[in-house]
Amino acid sequence: MVTPRIKPSVFFQDPPDTDLFVQAHRQAKLGSYVANLAAMDGLIDFSAVAQSVETACPRAERSKGGRPPYASEVMVRMEFLQALYNLSDEECEHQMLDRMSFQRFCRVDGQLHIPDARTLWSFKQRLAKGGLGGRVIFAAVSQQLQQQDYLPRGGQIVDASIVQAPITQALSEERQALNEGQAPEGWSTKRLQHTDRDARWTKKHGKSFYGYKVHSNVDARWKLIRRIVVTPANVDDGQSLGEVLDAGNTRGRVLADRGYDAQANRELLARHQLGDGIARRAKPGQKARQRLGARNRSINKTRSRVEHVFAGLEQLGGKVVRAMTLARNELAITLKCVAYNAKTLVWLVAQGAPT
């Protein structure tokens, strides 16, 4: 039996006259789906974010001419949609062509030309160069959070989460060469280009993972991400404590799990005059652990709020990356954190706090 084929043009014909009640019902339902996106558009000044990108990541020299580039604000908005809805470059191009809400959000409704997948890829290359673009966007949005009175409060919660990358199939000798930054013998240029040479293996709870780690600083009051550092997965959690400390938190206490229990980290907190909220490991042979357990439980009661943040990132697709370099994956993870903060901001404003 041959399945009848429908011509693509049928899908783009003008719809027949519809009942006004049906149209109003569908419009109201559609409005509920895009309400969060509209709220983000109103709460975040993307033109200011784009200006920061222009300053930190200037365009390439264009004296030889060519087609005029798209405005940076349009591209920043498209990258934000990619992170928010976990879209590939091709999927983002398709959604931009198909969804009026995306076109309005990116300020391209009614325009003949819309950035395609290749343009998106090139813009991300520009952002990833030097690792500046993602950090600039994150810093610009973080500044706007504080301008709306969402200051870091309640203490700092520091933790790290694994972000998995596609596994590179390699023998032990080839893996060692890759880790040393060399090309394994017999590997072609094409294979090297499709190999992530920055990701590393690590173990957690007896399971092996390949990829990266995002080291985060979350404020205990609003559960907003205030600092991030992206490293290969084999970097120990405690090594990045100094890079994610936030001097702007109104409460001088740092909460962390037992992975940060080291004398160097305790001395670091003392130098910064920060309260030590690092959970302790039991010493070898230690029997009386009642006080130690009570202290750790008291810390974990608040520290566990960071797991809500990592769950939010996972819902956005932020626990998996697909690019082949640390710079591109750092950009992707950073934009996911920006999208998470934007979603949380909408929820906080809807709750009516603060003013």
C-alpha atoms as a PDB file:
ATOM      1  CA  MET A   1       0.000   0.000   0.000  1.00  0.00           C
ATOM      2  CA  VAL A   2       1.409   3.376  -1.033  1.00  0.00           C
ATOM      3  CA  THR A   3       1.095   6.173   1.517  1.00  0.00           C
ATOM      4  CA  PRO A   4      -0.236   9.345  -0.154  1.00  0.00           C
ATOM      5  CA  ARG A   5       2.243  12.202  -0.004  1.00  0.00           C
ATOM      6  CA  ILE A   6       1.172  15.703   0.942  1.00  0.00           C
ATOM      7  CA  LYS A   7       2.811  18.585  -0.826  1.00  0.00           C
ATOM      8  CA  PRO A   8       4.720  20.926   1.541  1.00  0.00           C
ATOM      9  CA  SER A   9       2.849  23.904   0.124  1.00  0.00           C
ATOM     10  CA  VAL A  10      -0.366  22.597   1.697  1.00  0.00           C
ATOM     11  CA  PHE A  11       1.020  23.338   5.169  1.00  0.00           C
ATOM     12  CA  PHE A  12       1.560  27.015   4.317  1.00  0.00           C
ATOM     13  CA  GLN A  13      -1.792  27.840   2.767  1.00  0.00           C
ATOM     14  CA  ASP A  14      -3.984  30.423   4.449  1.00  0.00           C
ATOM     15  CA  PRO A  15      -6.235  28.710   7.033  1.00  0.00           C
ATOM     16  CA  PRO A  16      -9.984  28.674   6.417  1.00  0.00           C
ATOM     17  CA  ASP A  17     -12.252  30.940   8.396  1.00  0.00           C
ATOM     18  CA  THR A  18     -12.325  29.757  12.005  1.00  0.00           C
ATOM     19  CA  ASP A  19     -14.690  30.370  14.847  1.00  0.00           C
ATOM     20  CA  LEU A  20     -13.682  33.432  16.885  1.00  0.00           C
ATOM     21  CA  PHE A  21     -14.065  31.484  20.134  1.00  0.00           C
ATOM     22  CA  VAL A  22     -11.590  28.854  18.878  1.00  0.00           C
ATOM     23  CA  GLN A  23      -9.114  31.541  17.904  1.00  0.00           C
ATOM     24  CA  ALA A  24      -9.407  33.286  21.275  1.00  0.00           C
ATOM     25  CA  HIS A  25      -8.998  30.005  23.154  1.00  0.00           C
ATOM     26  CA  ARG A  26      -5.876  29.058  21.208  1.00  0.00           C
ATOM     27  CA  GLN A  27      -4.431  32.535  21.584  1.00  0.00           C
ATOM     28  CA  ALA A  28      -4.926  32.434  25.360  1.00  0.00           C
ATOM     29  CA  LYS A  29      -3.315  29.004  25.609  1.00  0.00           C
ATOM     30  CA  LEU A  30      -0.389  30.134  23.457  1.00  0.00           C
ATOM     31  CA  GLY A  31       0.013  33.184  25.683  1.00  0.00           C
ATOM     32  CA  SER A  32       0.482  30.972  28.735  1.00  0.00           C
ATOM     33  CA  TYR A  33       3.298  29.108  26.968  1.00  0.00           C
ATOM     34  CA  VAL A  34       5.209  32.260  26.048  1.00  0.00           C
ATOM     35  CA  ALA A  35       4.474  34.168  29.261  1.00  0.00           C
ATOM     36  CA  ASN A  36       7.843  33.268  30.804  1.00  0.00           C
ATOM     37  CA  LEU A  37       9.670  34.276  27.626  1.00  0.00           C
ATOM     38  CA  ALA A  38       7.841  37.604  27.557  1.00  0.00           C
ATOM     39  CA  ALA A  39       8.681  38.148  31.232  1.00  0.00           C
ATOM     40  CA  MET A  40      12.379  37.502  30.578  1.00  0.00           C
ATOM     41  CA  ASP A  41      12.247  39.968  27.700  1.00  0.00           C
ATOM     42  CA  GLY A  42      10.900  42.615  30.057  1.00  0.00           C
ATOM     43  CA  LEU A  43      13.246  41.916  32.959  1.00  0.00           C
ATOM     44  CA  ILE A  44      16.559  41.596  31.105  1.00  0.00           C
ATOM     45  CA  ASP A  45      18.044  44.410  29.033  1.00  0.00           C
ATOM     46  CA  PHE A  46      19.519  42.450  26.129  1.00  0.00           C
ATOM     47  CA  SER A  47      20.687  45.616  24.393  1.00  0.00           C
ATOM     48  CA  ALA A  48      23.018  46.315  27.339  1.00  0.00           C
ATOM     49  CA  VAL A  49      24.231  42.707  27.232  1.00  0.00           C
ATOM     50  CA  ALA A  50      24.908  43.041  23.495  1.00  0.00           C
ATOM     51  CA  GLN A  51      26.845  46.255  24.089  1.00  0.00           C
ATOM     52  CA  SER A  52      29.078  44.433  26.561  1.00  0.00           C
ATOM     53  CA  VAL A  53      29.690  41.734  23.949  1.00  0.00           C
ATOM     54  CA  GLU A  54      30.586  44.360  21.329  1.00  0.00           C
ATOM     55  CA  THR A  55      33.146  45.870  23.693  1.00  0.00           C
ATOM     56  CA  ALA A  56      34.759  42.602  24.781  1.00  0.00           C
ATOM     57  CA  CYS A  57      34.459  40.681  21.485  1.00  0.00           C
ATOM     58  CA  PRO A  58      34.662  43.201  18.616  1.00  0.00           C
ATOM     59  CA  ARG A  59      33.721  42.133  15.116  1.00  0.00           C
ATOM     60  CA  ALA A  60      36.318  41.136  12.586  1.00  0.00           C
ATOM     61  CA  GLU A  61      37.627  43.821  10.241  1.00  0.00           C
ATOM     62  CA  ARG A  62      35.231  44.302   7.294  1.00  0.00           C
ATOM     63  CA  SER A  63      37.084  46.657   4.944  1.00  0.00           C
ATOM     64  CA  LYS A  64      36.657  44.171   2.071  1.00  0.00           C
ATOM     65  CA  GLY A  65      32.892  44.479   2.248  1.00  0.00           C
ATOM     66  CA  GLY A  66      30.368  41.680   2.305  1.00  0.00           C
ATOM     67  CA  ARG A  67      26.805  41.323   3.511  1.00  0.00           C
ATOM     68  CA  PRO A  68      26.022  43.601   6.481  1.00  0.00           C
ATOM     69  CA  PRO A  69      26.205  41.627   9.744  1.00  0.00           C
ATOM     70  CA  TYR A  70      23.229  41.033  11.984  1.00  0.00           C
ATOM     71  CA  ALA A  71      22.972  43.186  15.086  1.00  0.00           C
ATOM     72  CA  SER A  72      24.700  41.716  18.127  1.00  0.00           C
ATOM     73  CA  GLU A  73      21.497  42.017  20.130  1.00  0.00           C
ATOM     74  CA  VAL A  74      19.703  39.721  17.667  1.00  0.00           C
ATOM     75  CA  MET A  75      22.494  37.153  17.937  1.00  0.00           C
ATOM     76  CA  VAL A  76      22.644  37.353  21.752  1.00  0.00           C
ATOM     77  CA  ARG A  77      18.890  36.817  21.937  1.00  0.00           C
ATOM     78  CA  MET A  78      19.146  33.787  19.646  1.00  0.00           C
ATOM     79  CA  GLU A  79      21.940  32.298  21.762  1.00  0.00           C
ATOM     80  CA  PHE A  80      19.767  32.827  24.824  1.00  0.00           C
ATOM     81  CA  LEU A  81      16.886  30.940  23.173  1.00  0.00           C
ATOM     82  CA  GLN A  82      19.269  28.128  22.248  1.00  0.00           C
ATOM     83  CA  ALA A  83      20.327  27.745  25.869  1.00  0.00           C
ATOM     84  CA  LEU A  84      16.806  28.115  27.249  1.00  0.00           C
ATOM     85  CA  TYR A  85      15.226  25.507  24.951  1.00  0.00           C
ATOM     86  CA  ASN A  86      18.306  23.305  24.398  1.00  0.00           C
ATOM     87  CA  LEU A  87      18.361  23.764  20.615  1.00  0.00           C
ATOM     88  CA  SER A  88      21.079  22.946  18.121  1.00  0.00           C
ATOM     89  CA  ASP A  89      22.034  25.562  15.540  1.00  0.00           C
ATOM     90  CA  GLU A  90      19.847  23.908  12.888  1.00  0.00           C
ATOM     91  CA  GLU A  91      16.907  23.505  15.280  1.00  0.00           C
ATOM     92  CA  CYS A  92      17.192  27.134  16.355  1.00  0.00           C
ATOM     93  CA  GLU A  93      17.097  28.273  12.714  1.00  0.00           C
ATOM     94  CA  HIS A  94      14.002  26.146  12.095  1.00  0.00           C
ATOM     95  CA  GLN A  95      12.227  27.421  15.206  1.00  0.00           C
ATOM     96  CA  MET A  96      13.016  31.014  14.250  1.00  0.00           C
ATOM     97  CA  LEU A  97      11.370  30.460  10.880  1.00  0.00           C
ATOM     98  CA  ASP A  98       8.365  28.664  12.343  1.00  0.00           C
ATOM     99  CA  ARG A  99       7.570  30.450  15.620  1.00  0.00           C
ATOM    100  CA  MET A 100       6.346  34.024  15.735  1.00  0.00           C
ATOM    101  CA  SER A 101       7.152  34.243  19.463  1.00  0.00           C
ATOM    102  CA  PHE A 102      10.840  33.570  18.706  1.00  0.00           C
ATOM    103  CA  GLN A 103      10.854  36.148  15.915  1.00  0.00           C
ATOM    104  CA  ARG A 104       9.323  38.789  18.164  1.00  0.00           C
ATOM    105  CA  PHE A 105      11.704  37.980  21.000  1.00  0.00           C
ATOM    106  CA  CYS A 106      14.708  38.355  18.681  1.00  0.00           C
ATOM    107  CA  ARG A 107      13.289  41.501  17.027  1.00  0.00           C
ATOM    108  CA  VAL A 108      13.289  39.995  13.518  1.00  0.00           C
ATOM    109  CA  ASP A 109       9.534  39.693  12.928  1.00  0.00           C
ATOM    110  CA  GLY A 110       8.667  41.117   9.535  1.00  0.00           C
ATOM    111  CA  GLN A 111      12.258  40.943   8.288  1.00  0.00           C
ATOM    112  CA  LEU A 112      13.208  39.125   5.104  1.00  0.00           C
ATOM    113  CA  HIS A 113      16.455  37.581   6.369  1.00  0.00           C
ATOM    114  CA  ILE A 114      16.884  35.657   9.630  1.00  0.00           C
ATOM    115  CA  PRO A 115      20.252  34.379  10.950  1.00  0.00           C
ATOM    116  CA  ASP A 116      20.841  30.809   9.829  1.00  0.00           C
ATOM    117  CA  ALA A 117      22.669  27.927  11.524  1.00  0.00           C
ATOM    118  CA  ARG A 118      26.022  28.880  10.005  1.00  0.00           C
ATOM    119  CA  THR A 119      25.688  32.453  11.269  1.00  0.00           C
ATOM    120  CA  LEU A 120      24.930  31.154  14.757  1.00  0.00           C
ATOM    121  CA  TRP A 121      27.996  28.907  14.644  1.00  0.00           C
ATOM    122  CA  SER A 122      30.221  31.812  13.578  1.00  0.00           C
ATOM    123  CA  PHE A 123      28.869  34.029  16.340  1.00  0.00           C
ATOM    124  CA  LYS A 124      29.626  31.359  18.934  1.00  0.00           C
ATOM    125  CA  GLN A 125      33.148  31.106  17.574  1.00  0.00           C
ATOM    126  CA  ARG A 126      33.473  34.831  18.153  1.00  0.00           C
ATOM    127  CA  LEU A 127      32.171  34.503  21.725  1.00  0.00           C
ATOM    128  CA  ALA A 128      34.373  31.504  22.533  1.00  0.00           C
ATOM    129  CA  LYS A 129      37.567  33.144  21.294  1.00  0.00           C
ATOM    130  CA  GLY A 130      39.652  33.812  24.386  1.00  0.00           C
ATOM    131  CA  GLY A 131      36.813  32.583  26.602  1.00  0.00           C
ATOM    132  CA  LEU A 132      35.486  36.126  26.982  1.00  0.00           C
ATOM    133  CA  GLY A 133      32.045  36.103  25.374  1.00  0.00           C
ATOM    134  CA  GLY A 134      30.247  33.792  27.791  1.00  0.00           C
ATOM    135  CA  ARG A 135      31.811  35.428  30.841  1.00  0.00           C
ATOM    136  CA  VAL A 136      30.811  38.881  29.596  1.00  0.00           C
ATOM    137  CA  ILE A 137      27.192  37.803  29.062  1.00  0.00           C
ATOM    138  CA  PHE A 138      27.085  36.131  32.476  1.00  0.00           C
ATOM    139  CA  ALA A 139      28.573  39.206  34.172  1.00  0.00           C
ATOM    140  CA  ALA A 140      26.186  41.599  32.388  1.00  0.00           C
ATOM    141  CA  VAL A 141      23.103  39.607  33.412  1.00  0.00           C
ATOM    142  CA  SER A 142      24.447  39.194  36.968  1.00  0.00           C
ATOM    143  CA  GLN A 143      24.838  42.961  37.222  1.00  0.00           C
ATOM    144  CA  GLN A 144      21.219  43.435  36.152  1.00  0.00           C
ATOM    145  CA  LEU A 145      20.097  40.955  38.836  1.00  0.00           C
ATOM    146  CA  GLN A 146      21.774  43.097  41.468  1.00  0.00           C
ATOM    147  CA  GLN A 147      20.291  46.286  40.009  1.00  0.00           C
ATOM    148  CA  GLN A 148      16.880  44.719  40.603  1.00  0.00           C
ATOM    149  CA  ASP A 149      17.812  44.193  44.290  1.00  0.00           C
ATOM    150  CA  TYR A 150      18.571  40.484  44.007  1.00  0.00           C
ATOM    151  CA  LEU A 151      21.844  40.832  45.859  1.00  0.00           C
ATOM    152  CA  PRO A 152      23.796  37.737  46.952  1.00  0.00           C
ATOM    153  CA  ARG A 153      22.422  36.969  50.410  1.00  0.00           C
ATOM    154  CA  GLY A 154      22.338  34.241  53.013  1.00  0.00           C
ATOM    155  CA  GLY A 155      25.872  32.951  52.501  1.00  0.00           C
ATOM    156  CA  GLN A 156      27.728  31.242  49.685  1.00  0.00           C
ATOM    157  CA  ILE A 157      27.120  27.629  48.689  1.00  0.00           C
ATOM    158  CA  VAL A 158      30.004  26.187  46.684  1.00  0.00           C
ATOM    159  CA  ASP A 159      29.778  22.903  44.809  1.00  0.00           C
ATOM    160  CA  ALA A 160      30.749  21.218  41.535  1.00  0.00           C
ATOM    161  CA  SER A 161      28.750  19.100  39.101  1.00  0.00           C
ATOM    162  CA  ILE A 162      29.864  16.833  36.269  1.00  0.00           C
ATOM    163  CA  VAL A 163      28.891  17.756  32.706  1.00  0.00           C
ATOM    164  CA  GLN A 164      29.247  14.784  30.405  1.00  0.00           C
ATOM    165  CA  ALA A 165      30.787  14.961  26.913  1.00  0.00           C
ATOM    166  CA  PRO A 166      30.796  12.445  24.032  1.00  0.00           C
ATOM    167  CA  ILE A 167      33.296   9.697  24.867  1.00  0.00           C
ATOM    168  CA  THR A 168      36.413   9.584  22.720  1.00  0.00           C
ATOM    169  CA  GLN A 169      37.267   6.003  21.762  1.00  0.00           C
ATOM    170  CA  ALA A 170      41.018   5.599  22.201  1.00  0.00           C
ATOM    171  CA  LEU A 171      43.553   3.050  23.414  1.00  0.00           C
ATOM    172  CA  SER A 172      45.495   3.729  26.600  1.00  0.00           C
ATOM    173  CA  GLU A 173      48.575   4.904  24.671  1.00  0.00           C
ATOM    174  CA  GLU A 174      46.432   7.125  22.473  1.00  0.00           C
ATOM    175  CA  ARG A 175      44.641   8.496  25.514  1.00  0.00           C
ATOM    176  CA  GLN A 176      47.944   9.374  27.143  1.00  0.00           C
ATOM    177  CA  ALA A 177      49.069  11.211  24.005  1.00  0.00           C
ATOM    178  CA  LEU A 178      45.790  13.169  23.908  1.00  0.00           C
ATOM    179  CA  ASN A 179      46.122  14.126  27.568  1.00  0.00           C
ATOM    180  CA  GLU A 180      49.617  15.435  26.840  1.00  0.00           C
ATOM    181  CA  GLY A 181      48.300  17.571  23.997  1.00  0.00           C
ATOM    182  CA  GLN A 182      49.852  15.445  21.258  1.00  0.00           C
ATOM    183  CA  ALA A 183      48.341  13.728  18.236  1.00  0.00           C
ATOM    184  CA  PRO A 184      48.231   9.914  18.595  1.00  0.00           C
ATOM    185  CA  GLU A 185      50.191   8.024  15.967  1.00  0.00           C
ATOM    186  CA  GLY A 186      48.156   7.208  12.894  1.00  0.00           C
ATOM    187  CA  TRP A 187      45.299   9.598  13.617  1.00  0.00           C
ATOM    188  CA  SER A 188      44.109  11.692  10.683  1.00  0.00           C
ATOM    189  CA  THR A 189      43.474  15.412  10.861  1.00  0.00           C
ATOM    190  CA  LYS A 190      39.743  14.801  10.457  1.00  0.00           C
ATOM    191  CA  ARG A 191      39.647  12.409  13.402  1.00  0.00           C
ATOM    192  CA  LEU A 192      41.519  14.890  15.566  1.00  0.00           C
ATOM    193  CA  GLN A 193      39.050  17.636  14.642  1.00  0.00           C
ATOM    194  CA  HIS A 194      36.184  15.406  15.803  1.00  0.00           C
ATOM    195  CA  THR A 195      37.884  14.504  19.096  1.00  0.00           C
ATOM    196  CA  ASP A 196      37.445  16.418  22.335  1.00  0.00           C
ATOM    197  CA  ARG A 197      41.019  16.678  23.614  1.00  0.00           C
ATOM    198  CA  ASP A 198      40.123  18.784  26.648  1.00  0.00           C
ATOM    199  CA  ALA A 199      37.619  16.487  28.398  1.00  0.00           C
ATOM    200  CA  ARG A 200      38.862  14.032  31.027  1.00  0.00           C
ATOM    201  CA  TRP A 201      37.700  10.969  32.962  1.00  0.00           C
ATOM    202  CA  THR A 202      36.693  11.067  36.628  1.00  0.00           C
ATOM    203  CA  LYS A 203      34.946   8.825  39.134  1.00  0.00           C
ATOM    204  CA  LYS A 204      32.005   9.625  41.380  1.00  0.00           C
ATOM    205  CA  HIS A 205      30.309   7.132  43.689  1.00  0.00           C
ATOM    206  CA  GLY A 206      32.205   4.323  41.965  1.00  0.00           C
ATOM    207  CA  LYS A 207      30.999   5.285  38.462  1.00  0.00           C
ATOM    208  CA  SER A 208      33.183   6.673  35.672  1.00  0.00           C
ATOM    209  CA  PHE A 209      32.269   9.880  33.840  1.00  0.00           C
ATOM    210  CA  TYR A 210      33.892  11.645  30.903  1.00  0.00           C
ATOM    211  CA  GLY A 211      33.615  15.364  30.371  1.00  0.00           C
ATOM    212  CA  TYR A 212      33.896  18.540  32.412  1.00  0.00           C
ATOM    213  CA  LYS A 213      32.990  20.046  35.762  1.00  0.00           C
ATOM    214  CA  VAL A 214      31.125  23.261  36.432  1.00  0.00           C
ATOM    215  CA  HIS A 215      32.242  24.748  39.764  1.00  0.00           C
ATOM    216  CA  SER A 216      29.517  27.076  41.025  1.00  0.00           C
ATOM    217  CA  ASN A 217      28.862  29.614  43.748  1.00  0.00           C
ATOM    218  CA  VAL A 218      25.156  29.930  44.592  1.00  0.00           C
ATOM    219  CA  ASP A 219      23.733  32.369  47.112  1.00  0.00           C
ATOM    220  CA  ALA A 220      21.658  30.648  49.790  1.00  0.00           C
ATOM    221  CA  ARG A 221      18.834  33.211  49.745  1.00  0.00           C
ATOM    222  CA  TRP A 222      17.769  33.373  46.086  1.00  0.00           C
ATOM    223  CA  LYS A 223      19.498  30.260  44.669  1.00  0.00           C
ATOM    224  CA  LEU A 224      21.003  32.330  41.857  1.00  0.00           C
ATOM    225  CA  ILE A 225      24.362  31.372  40.350  1.00  0.00           C
ATOM    226  CA  ARG A 226      26.919  34.052  41.201  1.00  0.00           C
ATOM    227  CA  ARG A 227      30.256  32.567  40.058  1.00  0.00           C
ATOM    228  CA  ILE A 228      31.174  29.711  37.717  1.00  0.00           C
ATOM    229  CA  VAL A 229      34.388  28.041  36.593  1.00  0.00           C
ATOM    230  CA  VAL A 230      34.465  25.241  33.999  1.00  0.00           C
ATOM    231  CA  THR A 231      37.322  22.712  34.115  1.00  0.00           C
ATOM    232  CA  PRO A 232      38.054  19.194  32.856  1.00  0.00           C
ATOM    233  CA  ALA A 233      36.283  16.589  34.977  1.00  0.00           C
ATOM    234  CA  ASN A 234      39.474  15.310  36.631  1.00  0.00           C
ATOM    235  CA  VAL A 235      40.097  18.599  38.478  1.00  0.00           C
ATOM    236  CA  ASP A 236      39.431  18.171  42.202  1.00  0.00           C
ATOM    237  CA  ASP A 237      36.488  20.166  43.559  1.00  0.00           C
ATOM    238  CA  GLY A 238      38.512  21.832  46.293  1.00  0.00           C
ATOM    239  CA  GLN A 239      41.135  23.229  43.902  1.00  0.00           C
ATOM    240  CA  SER A 240      38.675  25.769  42.466  1.00  0.00           C
ATOM    241  CA  LEU A 241      37.391  27.208  45.740  1.00  0.00           C
ATOM    242  CA  GLY A 242      39.411  30.407  45.456  1.00  0.00           C
ATOM    243  CA  GLU A 243      38.132  31.082  41.927  1.00  0.00           C
ATOM    244  CA  VAL A 244      34.439  30.920  42.838  1.00  0.00           C
ATOM    245  CA  LEU A 245      34.397  32.880  46.088  1.00  0.00           C
ATOM    246  CA  ASP A 246      32.040  35.852  45.960  1.00  0.00           C
ATOM    247  CA  ALA A 247      33.073  38.897  47.962  1.00  0.00           C
ATOM    248  CA  GLY A 248      29.677  40.525  47.373  1.00  0.00           C
ATOM    249  CA  ASN A 249      27.596  38.143  49.489  1.00  0.00           C
ATOM    250  CA  THR A 250      26.048  39.945  52.441  1.00  0.00           C
ATOM    251  CA  ARG A 251      26.749  37.022  54.790  1.00  0.00           C
ATOM    252  CA  GLY A 252      30.342  35.998  55.315  1.00  0.00           C
ATOM    253  CA  ARG A 253      29.910  32.227  55.430  1.00  0.00           C
ATOM    254  CA  VAL A 254      30.855  29.590  52.860  1.00  0.00           C
ATOM    255  CA  LEU A 255      29.054  26.235  52.797  1.00  0.00           C
ATOM    256  CA  ALA A 256      30.583  23.254  51.001  1.00  0.00           C
ATOM    257  CA  ASP A 257      30.569  19.460  51.130  1.00  0.00           C
ATOM    258  CA  ARG A 258      33.392  17.191  52.329  1.00  0.00           C
ATOM    259  CA  GLY A 259      35.129  17.375  48.955  1.00  0.00           C
ATOM    260  CA  TYR A 260      36.414  20.811  50.012  1.00  0.00           C
ATOM    261  CA  ASP A 261      37.706  19.620  53.395  1.00  0.00           C
ATOM    262  CA  ALA A 262      41.369  20.617  53.200  1.00  0.00           C
ATOM    263  CA  GLN A 263      43.617  22.716  55.387  1.00  0.00           C
ATOM    264  CA  ALA A 264      44.499  24.968  52.427  1.00  0.00           C
ATOM    265  CA  ASN A 265      40.815  25.804  51.886  1.00  0.00           C
ATOM    266  CA  ARG A 266      40.236  26.553  55.559  1.00  0.00           C
ATOM    267  CA  GLU A 267      43.226  28.902  55.531  1.00  0.00           C
ATOM    268  CA  LEU A 268      41.869  30.516  52.351  1.00  0.00           C
ATOM    269  CA  LEU A 269      38.551  31.266  54.061  1.00  0.00           C
ATOM    270  CA  ALA A 270      40.376  32.658  57.089  1.00  0.00           C
ATOM    271  CA  ARG A 271      42.401  35.035  54.887  1.00  0.00           C
ATOM    272  CA  HIS A 272      39.178  36.329  53.323  1.00  0.00           C
ATOM    273  CA  GLN A 273      37.534  36.568  56.762  1.00  0.00           C
ATOM    274  CA  LEU A 274      34.791  34.147  55.724  1.00  0.00           C
ATOM    275  CA  GLY A 275      33.014  31.728  58.033  1.00  0.00           C
ATOM    276  CA  ASP A 276      34.027  28.085  57.658  1.00  0.00           C
ATOM    277  CA  GLY A 277      30.977  26.027  56.682  1.00  0.00           C
ATOM    278  CA  ILE A 278      32.893  23.174  55.050  1.00  0.00           C
ATOM    279  CA  ALA A 279      31.664  19.722  56.038  1.00  0.00           C
ATOM    280  CA  ARG A 280      34.345  17.573  57.678  1.00  0.00           C
ATOM    281  CA  ARG A 281      35.609  14.118  56.835  1.00  0.00           C
ATOM    282  CA  ALA A 282      36.033  11.668  59.695  1.00  0.00           C
ATOM    283  CA  LYS A 283      39.677  11.100  60.584  1.00  0.00           C
ATOM    284  CA  PRO A 284      41.080   7.563  60.316  1.00  0.00           C
ATOM    285  CA  GLY A 285      40.263   5.630  63.454  1.00  0.00           C
ATOM    286  CA  GLN A 286      37.943   8.314  64.784  1.00  0.00           C
ATOM    287  CA  LYS A 287      35.153   6.692  66.813  1.00  0.00           C
ATOM    288  CA  ALA A 288      33.213   9.472  68.529  1.00  0.00           C
ATOM    289  CA  ARG A 289      31.566  11.060  65.495  1.00  0.00           C
ATOM    290  CA  GLN A 290      28.365  12.405  67.034  1.00  0.00           C
ATOM    291  CA  ARG A 291      29.499  16.040  67.025  1.00  0.00           C
ATOM    292  CA  LEU A 292      31.004  15.680  63.557  1.00  0.00           C
ATOM    293  CA  GLY A 293      27.763  14.209  62.182  1.00  0.00           C
ATOM    294  CA  ALA A 294      25.646  16.895  63.839  1.00  0.00           C
ATOM    295  CA  ARG A 295      27.846  19.631  62.378  1.00  0.00           C
ATOM    296  CA  ASN A 296      27.669  18.167  58.868  1.00  0.00           C
ATOM    297  CA  ARG A 297      23.886  17.748  59.057  1.00  0.00           C
ATOM    298  CA  SER A 298      23.498  21.360  60.122  1.00  0.00           C
ATOM    299  CA  ILE A 299      25.610  22.497  57.155  1.00  0.00           C
ATOM    300  CA  ASN A 300      23.884  20.202  54.657  1.00  0.00           C
ATOM    301  CA  LYS A 301      20.450  21.492  55.614  1.00  0.00           C
ATOM    302  CA  THR A 302      21.296  24.730  53.795  1.00  0.00           C
ATOM    303  CA  ARG A 303      24.016  23.450  51.476  1.00  0.00           C
ATOM    304  CA  SER A 304      21.594  21.036  49.808  1.00  0.00           C
ATOM    305  CA  ARG A 305      19.870  24.002  48.123  1.00  0.00           C
ATOM    306  CA  VAL A 306      22.616  23.928  45.511  1.00  0.00           C
ATOM    307  CA  GLU A 307      21.231  20.583  44.292  1.00  0.00           C
ATOM    308  CA  HIS A 308      18.077  22.411  43.224  1.00  0.00           C
ATOM    309  CA  VAL A 309      20.257  24.588  41.009  1.00  0.00           C
ATOM    310  CA  PHE A 310      21.974  21.617  39.382  1.00  0.00           C
ATOM    311  CA  ALA A 311      18.565  20.003  38.825  1.00  0.00           C
ATOM    312  CA  GLY A 312      17.431  23.204  37.105  1.00  0.00           C
ATOM    313  CA  LEU A 313      20.496  23.124  34.853  1.00  0.00           C
ATOM    314  CA  GLU A 314      19.781  19.495  34.015  1.00  0.00           C
ATOM    315  CA  GLN A 315      16.234  20.395  32.965  1.00  0.00           C
ATOM    316  CA  LEU A 316      17.728  22.915  30.553  1.00  0.00           C
ATOM    317  CA  GLY A 317      20.052  20.254  29.125  1.00  0.00           C
ATOM    318  CA  GLY A 318      23.040  21.779  30.896  1.00  0.00           C
ATOM    319  CA  LYS A 319      24.529  18.490  32.124  1.00  0.00           C
ATOM    320  CA  VAL A 320      25.604  17.407  28.618  1.00  0.00           C
ATOM    321  CA  VAL A 321      27.820  19.179  26.067  1.00  0.00           C
ATOM    322  CA  ARG A 322      28.561  18.403  22.418  1.00  0.00           C
ATOM    323  CA  ALA A 323      31.360  20.740  21.306  1.00  0.00           C
ATOM    324  CA  MET A 324      34.956  19.590  20.829  1.00  0.00           C
ATOM    325  CA  THR A 325      36.920  22.168  22.834  1.00  0.00           C
ATOM    326  CA  LEU A 326      36.961  23.490  26.378  1.00  0.00           C
ATOM    327  CA  ALA A 327      36.320  27.054  25.145  1.00  0.00           C
ATOM    328  CA  ARG A 328      33.154  26.110  23.214  1.00  0.00           C
ATOM    329  CA  ASN A 329      31.853  23.893  26.010  1.00  0.00           C
ATOM    330  CA  GLU A 330      32.578  26.575  28.599  1.00  0.00           C
ATOM    331  CA  LEU A 331      30.498  28.973  26.509  1.00  0.00           C
ATOM    332  CA  ALA A 332      27.617  26.477  26.292  1.00  0.00           C
ATOM    333  CA  ILE A 333      27.647  25.797  30.052  1.00  0.00           C
ATOM    334  CA  THR A 334      27.876  29.503  30.882  1.00  0.00           C
ATOM    335  CA  LEU A 335      24.885  30.332  28.668  1.00  0.00           C
ATOM    336  CA  LYS A 336      22.919  27.564  30.401  1.00  0.00           C
ATOM    337  CA  CYS A 337      23.697  29.241  33.726  1.00  0.00           C
ATOM    338  CA  VAL A 338      22.482  32.567  32.315  1.00  0.00           C
ATOM    339  CA  ALA A 339      19.245  30.908  31.162  1.00  0.00           C
ATOM    340  CA  TYR A 340      18.799  29.328  34.602  1.00  0.00           C
ATOM    341  CA  ASN A 341      19.264  32.699  36.319  1.00  0.00           C
ATOM    342  CA  ALA A 342      16.743  34.286  33.944  1.00  0.00           C
ATOM    343  CA  LYS A 343      14.137  31.601  34.669  1.00  0.00           C
ATOM    344  CA  THR A 344      14.732  31.943  38.408  1.00  0.00           C
ATOM    345  CA  LEU A 345      14.429  35.728  38.166  1.00  0.00           C
ATOM    346  CA  VAL A 346      10.999  35.398  36.522  1.00  0.00           C
ATOM    347  CA  TRP A 347       9.879  33.068  39.301  1.00  0.00           C
ATOM    348  CA  LEU A 348      11.204  35.358  42.034  1.00  0.00           C
ATOM    349  CA  VAL A 349       9.466  38.394  40.571  1.00  0.00           C
ATOM    350  CA  ALA A 350       6.227  36.419  40.305  1.00  0.00           C
ATOM    351  CA  GLN A 351       6.548  35.631  44.029  1.00  0.00           C
ATOM    352  CA  GLY A 352       6.770  39.337  44.771  1.00  0.00           C
ATOM    353  CA  ALA A 353      10.211  39.513  46.382  1.00  0.00           C
ATOM    354  CA  PRO A 354      12.155  41.639  46.788  1.00  0.00           C
ATOM    355  CA  THR A 355      11.066  45.206  46.042  1.00  0.00           C
END
